[in-house]
């Protein structure tokens, strides 16, 4: 097991090195001049020269690359004595200690990775990311946890009710959830939850009752007349209900009052924008859970749809296996068969999806956090890209890459724990 972990960690380091190299050259080969952006168009050459020297922009690209690797590496070669050196062991920049001194100007130092300083605020990128990462991790963690819990239950329910109206409805909703891009869903959820439904929402009484009665009638007809499964009653009921709603909306003003009446539901009271922490005049800074509701709903829709479909298809495959028939023959209860024998063997594709989506939520939260004004990693990276603050953007990309690699290693180890058939050599 230890050798396997070391092997996976080695592969992970190679992946991180490739990502780091690609990110460094991608951003540093840009024709834009960061020094000119910082100093302005009317800056003198002396000011530009000082800015370039301050951020190592005056060095050749390859030398800057190796300096960047040296700063990121936990084991680095630094100069403990020369203050003017580009690799000076500055205690304000580096948190660590000297291990071996090779000469008066070279030492091997064990330190925390250093992600440079922001071009704009001149704060350490590590401290900037440390301030915003908790908000993104909480948002992604809550979203994927709720999506996993709801997705497993809905997927199991759909598999056990295969080809019923419930199964078809769940599949239709999951397909819709997978089709919507996060930035579009974020706009719709923000508009509906914080504008349309903020104070109250009015629901039509007659159309809702008509839709409910239509579905009951179709279900009874299919049951008592023993209609074949090819006769899609769900599609008929949905089509008739859509026609009823369209007619009601067009003729609402001329219909009798008892038909056009509505029922008002209380509003959500949610704001369109907000972060994990809010500030009150009397309370000061406090955690505002309400601000999480709309972003969490937005982020959990697509992984929920994926988990539902994966769980359903995997459960349908597992439930046909010989050991499930043997368990039934032994007299085990259906609940024990599902949760003790079937579900653990059906979880491998679900675990892969959950791990990938958790890491993807950190990267995909850029648009969602921007729409909802949620101060997290995505919002910070979007602002940094807009202002061409390259060290912050590069630091954010590296953090996301580290999360991806770490999650993949954990998933490989989780396989062996969930499924005894998977063995780690």
Foldseek 3Di string as FASTA:
>chain_A
DVVLLVVLVVVLVVLLVVLLVVLLCVLLVDPDDLLCLLPDDPDDPVSSVVLCVVQVVVDDSVVVSVLLVQLQDQKHKAFDPDPSDPRHPDVVQWDWAFDAAPDNGITITGTHRFLAAWSHPRHTLVVVQVVFAVQLLVLLVVLLVVLQVLLLVLLVVLLVVDLDLSVVVLLVQLVVLQPDALLVLLVVLLCCQAPQQQFKHWAFDQLVVVLVVLLVVLVVCCVPVVDDSVPPSSVVSVVVSVVSVVVCVVCLVVDDCNRNDIDMDGGPNAHLADEQWDQDPPPGIDGDVRLSVSLSVSLNSNLSSVSSVLSNVLLNVQCPDPVLVVCVVVPDDPVCSVVPPRRLSSCLVVLVSSLVSSLVSLVSCLSSCVRRVYRHLSVVLVVCVVSVRSSSVSVSSSVSSVSSSVSVSVSLVVNCVSDVVDDDD
